[in-house]
Amino acid sequence: MRCQSVTLQSKKSVDSGVRSKLSDEIGYIKKRTLELYSQLPIDCEEGRKSRIDIRDELVIMHDRFIHKMAQNTYLDNNKYTYEDIYQQTRLEFIEIWWWFKYPPKYKSTVGFTSYFYQRIIERTIRALSELSYSMCRSTFIKCADLLGLPHWNKLKPEMLSQIEGHYELVQLCLRLMNNRYRLPIEEHQELKNDVISSTNKLLTYLNDPSDERRLLISEMIYRESSLSEKELDEISEMYSIPLSDLLPHLELAKIELYNILKDVNHMNHL
């Protein structure tokens, strides 16, 4: 018994030491990150981008965070390896590392990881996804809400079997995740082919939001509403598109989306 007690005490001592070391490391990273960003000019974009030395130190120092974002990035295809996703995530961080604490891009008081986490994941998905990101995100959000998850990025394929009475939504979500998991085939007898067909039409149409009009359509689908001035500001900030370039396309985007949804609705009632 005495030997077992000594072993347990030793294990507790080791665990405590590991936690203390990890806490010290996290504290150092936070402090050093703020020190590095404080060295950047606050009003000069090119001046911030030119500090390659700071960028490289941040990339190395936050490699664990980059891995975490890559691990939580889900694509609509399985042709990419984890290393592909990690490298793309790393590239996306390298593209926008200078945004943090830069007034035109940073309009909040959130910390480094909170600021970059969702932005980087979304950029990575947009870069590697073969389907409309907005449609994928909208579908994942609906499933996450049905499961009571705090955020859609917590959704895992194996969780979908817990959703009852929404076979069409589950099937679409599975197809978007492109996961091999499938519900028993007898549970899909009620699945309507015309719903999938019409959804595919919409996905195909919005597959490449390559201009401002299609981008606005994608965002309205995701938000399931028209866009307020505040939301337009958010889109402008997220995509680095001047608000003045978005506004002229808003009314045409509304009309085009109405026509798309009208066609889809017609197909669903054939």
Protein backbone atom coordinates (compact mmCIF):
# COMPACT_ATOMS: atom_id res chain seq x y z
CA MET A 1 0.00 0.00 0.00
CA ARG A 2 2.85 2.32 0.89
CA CYS A 3 4.48 1.76 -2.52
CA GLN A 4 1.19 2.46 -4.26
CA SER A 5 0.76 5.67 -2.26
CA VAL A 6 4.27 6.83 -3.18
CA THR A 7 3.58 6.04 -6.86
CA LEU A 8 0.34 8.05 -6.85
CA GLN A 9 2.05 10.99 -5.15
CA SER A 10 4.85 10.86 -7.72
CA LYS A 11 2.33 10.83 -10.59
CA LYS A 12 0.48 13.80 -9.10
CA SER A 13 3.79 15.63 -8.75
CA VAL A 14 4.69 14.94 -12.39
CA ASP A 15 1.21 16.00 -13.62
CA SER A 16 1.44 19.19 -11.59
CA GLY A 17 4.86 19.90 -13.04
CA VAL A 18 3.64 19.38 -16.61
CA ARG A 19 0.63 21.66 -16.06
CA SER A 20 2.85 24.33 -14.55
CA LYS A 21 5.29 24.13 -17.48
CA LEU A 22 2.43 24.30 -20.01
CA SER A 23 0.89 27.26 -18.19
CA ASP A 24 4.24 29.08 -18.23
CA GLU A 25 4.63 28.35 -21.96
CA ILE A 26 1.14 29.65 -22.78
CA GLY A 27 1.78 32.76 -20.70
CA TYR A 28 5.04 33.42 -22.52
CA ILE A 29 3.41 32.95 -25.96
CA LYS A 30 0.61 35.40 -25.12
CA LYS A 31 3.06 37.97 -23.79
CA ARG A 32 5.50 37.59 -26.68
CA THR A 33 2.69 37.77 -29.25
CA LEU A 34 1.51 41.12 -27.90
CA GLU A 35 5.12 42.38 -27.80
CA LEU A 36 5.61 41.48 -31.47
CA TYR A 37 2.39 43.15 -32.62
CA SER A 38 3.24 46.27 -30.61
CA GLN A 39 6.34 46.66 -32.83
CA LEU A 40 4.21 46.99 -35.99
CA PRO A 41 3.15 50.40 -37.36
CA ILE A 42 -0.50 50.98 -36.52
CA ASP A 43 -1.42 52.90 -39.69
CA CYS A 44 0.74 51.43 -42.46
CA GLU A 45 -0.32 48.20 -44.16
CA GLU A 46 2.85 47.77 -46.20
CA GLY A 47 4.98 48.53 -43.17
CA ARG A 48 3.26 45.75 -41.24
CA LYS A 49 3.55 43.25 -44.08
CA SER A 50 7.25 44.01 -44.51
CA ARG A 51 8.12 42.70 -41.03
CA ILE A 52 8.87 39.19 -42.24
CA ASP A 53 10.96 38.56 -39.12
CA ILE A 54 7.91 39.05 -36.90
CA ARG A 55 5.72 36.96 -39.21
CA ASP A 56 8.16 34.05 -39.17
CA GLU A 57 8.46 34.11 -35.38
CA LEU A 58 4.67 34.11 -35.03
CA VAL A 59 4.31 31.16 -37.43
CA ILE A 60 6.84 29.09 -35.46
CA MET A 61 5.52 30.13 -32.07
CA HIS A 62 1.88 29.39 -32.95
CA ASP A 63 2.45 26.14 -34.85
CA ARG A 64 0.40 24.23 -32.25
CA PHE A 65 -2.50 26.66 -32.80
CA ILE A 66 -2.21 26.24 -36.59
CA HIS A 67 -2.40 22.47 -36.14
CA LYS A 68 -5.50 22.89 -33.97
CA MET A 69 -7.23 24.92 -36.69
CA ALA A 70 -6.27 22.34 -39.32
CA GLN A 71 -7.65 19.52 -37.15
CA ASN A 72 -10.98 21.36 -36.93
CA THR A 73 -11.28 22.04 -40.66
CA TYR A 74 -13.80 19.80 -42.45
CA LEU A 75 -13.96 19.70 -46.24
CA ASP A 76 -16.59 18.49 -48.71
CA ASN A 77 -14.13 16.05 -50.29
CA ASN A 78 -11.53 13.55 -49.09
CA LYS A 79 -8.85 14.06 -51.71
CA TYR A 80 -6.75 16.20 -49.34
CA THR A 81 -4.52 14.70 -46.66
CA TYR A 82 -4.13 16.24 -43.23
CA GLU A 83 -0.76 17.59 -44.35
CA ASP A 84 -2.50 19.39 -47.25
CA ILE A 85 -4.99 20.97 -44.87
CA TYR A 86 -2.27 21.92 -42.40
CA GLN A 87 -0.14 23.56 -45.11
CA GLN A 88 -3.15 25.49 -46.45
CA THR A 89 -4.05 26.61 -42.92
CA ARG A 90 -0.47 27.75 -42.40
CA LEU A 91 -0.56 29.62 -45.72
CA GLU A 92 -3.83 31.36 -44.78
CA PHE A 93 -2.28 32.54 -41.51
CA ILE A 94 0.77 33.82 -43.37
CA GLU A 95 -1.58 35.76 -45.69
CA ILE A 96 -3.38 37.66 -42.92
CA TRP A 97 -1.10 37.50 -39.84
CA TRP A 98 -0.74 41.30 -39.92
CA TRP A 99 -4.50 41.92 -39.50
CA PHE A 100 -4.40 41.51 -35.72
CA LYS A 101 -4.37 44.89 -33.92
CA TYR A 102 -4.55 46.72 -37.28
CA PRO A 103 -7.53 49.13 -37.00
CA PRO A 104 -9.01 48.64 -40.53
CA LYS A 105 -9.09 44.86 -39.95
CA TYR A 106 -9.40 44.62 -36.18
CA LYS A 107 -12.50 46.24 -34.70
CA SER A 108 -12.79 44.37 -31.42
CA THR A 109 -10.93 43.52 -28.24
CA VAL A 110 -10.71 39.73 -28.68
CA GLY A 111 -7.45 37.90 -28.19
CA PHE A 112 -5.13 36.51 -30.84
CA THR A 113 -6.56 32.97 -31.04
CA SER A 114 -10.18 34.12 -30.85
CA TYR A 115 -9.57 36.61 -33.65
CA PHE A 116 -7.88 34.18 -36.05
CA TYR A 117 -9.52 30.82 -35.24
CA GLN A 118 -12.73 31.03 -37.28
CA ARG A 119 -11.30 33.38 -39.90
CA ILE A 120 -8.48 31.00 -40.79
CA ILE A 121 -10.72 27.91 -40.81
CA GLU A 122 -13.21 29.63 -43.11
CA ARG A 123 -10.48 30.79 -45.48
CA THR A 124 -8.99 27.28 -45.57
CA ILE A 125 -12.37 25.72 -46.36
CA ARG A 126 -13.03 28.27 -49.10
CA ALA A 127 -9.62 27.53 -50.62
CA LEU A 128 -10.00 23.74 -50.64
CA SER A 129 -13.75 23.19 -50.81
CA GLU A 130 -15.39 22.06 -54.04
CA LEU A 131 -18.88 23.07 -52.94
CA SER A 132 -20.39 26.37 -51.87
CA TYR A 133 -18.99 27.20 -48.46
CA SER A 134 -22.07 29.18 -47.47
CA MET A 135 -24.36 26.23 -48.24
CA CYS A 136 -22.10 23.84 -46.30
CA ARG A 137 -21.96 26.15 -43.31
CA SER A 138 -25.73 26.71 -43.34
CA THR A 139 -26.35 22.94 -43.38
CA PHE A 140 -23.83 22.27 -40.62
CA ILE A 141 -25.36 25.01 -38.46
CA LYS A 142 -28.83 23.47 -38.75
CA CYS A 143 -27.52 20.04 -37.70
CA ALA A 144 -25.48 21.54 -34.87
CA ASP A 145 -28.57 23.39 -33.60
CA LEU A 146 -30.60 20.16 -33.62
CA LEU A 147 -27.88 18.52 -31.53
CA GLY A 148 -27.59 21.46 -29.15
CA LEU A 149 -23.94 22.08 -30.01
CA PRO A 150 -22.42 25.47 -29.06
CA HIS A 151 -20.93 25.93 -32.54
CA TRP A 152 -21.20 24.17 -35.88
CA ASN A 153 -17.46 23.44 -36.01
CA LYS A 154 -18.05 20.99 -33.12
CA LEU A 155 -20.16 18.83 -35.45
CA LYS A 156 -18.74 15.38 -36.19
CA PRO A 157 -20.08 12.84 -38.74
CA GLU A 158 -20.72 10.22 -36.07
CA MET A 159 -23.04 12.62 -34.22
CA LEU A 160 -25.54 12.74 -37.09
CA SER A 161 -27.07 9.38 -36.18
CA GLN A 162 -28.55 11.13 -33.12
CA ILE A 163 -30.73 13.38 -35.30
CA GLU A 164 -34.22 11.96 -35.80
CA GLY A 165 -36.92 13.07 -38.19
CA HIS A 166 -34.61 15.07 -40.46
CA TYR A 167 -33.30 12.43 -42.86
CA GLU A 168 -33.02 14.82 -45.81
CA LEU A 169 -30.93 17.27 -43.82
CA VAL A 170 -28.74 14.50 -42.40
CA GLN A 171 -28.17 12.98 -45.85
CA LEU A 172 -27.21 16.36 -47.31
CA CYS A 173 -24.87 17.02 -44.38
CA LEU A 174 -23.21 13.64 -44.87
CA ARG A 175 -22.74 14.28 -48.56
CA LEU A 176 -21.20 17.68 -47.85
CA MET A 177 -18.82 16.15 -45.34
CA ASN A 178 -18.11 13.45 -47.93
CA ASN A 179 -17.75 10.97 -45.13
CA ARG A 180 -18.16 7.22 -45.61
CA TYR A 181 -20.55 6.97 -42.71
CA ARG A 182 -24.12 6.30 -43.88
CA LEU A 183 -27.41 5.70 -42.13
CA PRO A 184 -29.02 2.28 -42.74
CA ILE A 185 -30.48 2.32 -46.25
CA GLU A 186 -33.98 1.45 -45.02
CA GLU A 187 -34.07 4.75 -43.14
CA HIS A 188 -33.75 6.66 -46.40
CA GLN A 189 -36.92 5.43 -48.09
CA GLU A 190 -38.55 8.80 -47.45
CA LEU A 191 -35.72 10.76 -49.00
CA LYS A 192 -37.03 12.80 -51.92
CA ASN A 193 -34.85 12.79 -55.01
CA ASP A 194 -36.24 16.11 -56.16
CA VAL A 195 -35.01 17.80 -52.95
CA ILE A 196 -31.48 16.55 -53.52
CA SER A 197 -31.72 17.47 -57.19
CA SER A 198 -32.82 21.02 -56.46
CA THR A 199 -30.18 21.39 -53.75
CA ASN A 200 -27.50 20.25 -56.18
CA LYS A 201 -28.68 22.88 -58.62
CA LEU A 202 -28.26 25.55 -55.97
CA LEU A 203 -24.86 24.19 -54.91
CA THR A 204 -23.67 24.15 -58.51
CA TYR A 205 -24.90 27.67 -59.11
CA LEU A 206 -23.13 29.01 -56.01
CA ASN A 207 -20.07 26.84 -56.36
CA ASP A 208 -17.84 29.76 -57.24
CA PRO A 209 -18.78 33.09 -55.62
CA SER A 210 -16.18 34.74 -57.82
CA ASP A 211 -17.71 38.21 -57.95
CA GLU A 212 -19.41 40.59 -55.53
CA ARG A 213 -22.95 39.69 -56.64
CA ARG A 214 -22.50 35.94 -56.12
CA LEU A 215 -20.71 36.56 -52.85
CA LEU A 216 -23.68 38.56 -51.56
CA ILE A 217 -26.06 35.80 -52.69
CA SER A 218 -24.00 33.21 -50.80
CA GLU A 219 -24.01 35.33 -47.65
CA MET A 220 -27.78 35.90 -47.80
CA ILE A 221 -28.32 32.14 -48.10
CA TYR A 222 -26.13 31.53 -45.07
CA ARG A 223 -27.84 34.22 -42.99
CA GLU A 224 -31.29 33.31 -44.37
CA SER A 225 -32.16 36.99 -44.68
CA SER A 226 -31.27 40.16 -46.49
CA LEU A 227 -28.09 41.96 -45.43
CA SER A 228 -28.07 44.84 -42.96
CA GLU A 229 -25.51 47.64 -43.04
CA LYS A 230 -23.68 46.03 -40.13
CA GLU A 231 -23.54 42.67 -41.94
CA LEU A 232 -22.26 44.34 -45.10
CA ASP A 233 -19.51 45.94 -43.02
CA GLU A 234 -18.60 42.49 -41.65
CA ILE A 235 -18.48 41.00 -45.16
CA SER A 236 -16.38 43.91 -46.37
CA GLU A 237 -13.93 43.35 -43.51
CA MET A 238 -13.81 39.54 -43.86
CA TYR A 239 -13.19 39.53 -47.63
CA SER A 240 -11.18 42.76 -47.79
CA ILE A 241 -13.63 44.22 -50.33
CA PRO A 242 -14.45 47.94 -50.04
CA LEU A 243 -18.05 48.57 -48.98
CA SER A 244 -18.43 50.90 -51.95
CA ASP A 245 -17.77 47.91 -54.25
CA LEU A 246 -20.43 45.76 -52.56
CA LEU A 247 -23.35 48.19 -52.33
CA PRO A 248 -24.01 48.56 -56.10
CA HIS A 249 -24.51 44.78 -56.38
CA LEU A 250 -26.90 44.33 -53.44
CA GLU A 251 -30.24 44.91 -55.20
CA LEU A 252 -29.31 42.74 -58.19
CA ALA A 253 -28.15 40.01 -55.80
CA LYS A 254 -31.53 40.10 -54.01
CA ILE A 255 -33.43 39.79 -57.29
CA GLU A 256 -31.22 36.96 -58.55
CA LEU A 257 -31.50 35.05 -55.26
CA TYR A 258 -35.29 35.40 -55.36
CA ASN A 259 -35.36 33.88 -58.84
CA ILE A 260 -33.04 31.04 -57.82
CA LEU A 261 -35.15 30.14 -54.78
CA LYS A 262 -38.32 30.37 -56.83
CA ASP A 263 -36.92 27.84 -59.31
CA VAL A 264 -35.79 25.54 -56.50
CA ASN A 265 -39.19 25.75 -54.83
CA HIS A 266 -40.86 24.86 -58.12
CA MET A 267 -38.62 21.80 -58.50
CA ASN A 268 -39.46 20.65 -54.98
CA HIS A 269 -43.16 20.61 -55.84
CA LEU A 270 -42.93 18.78 -59.13
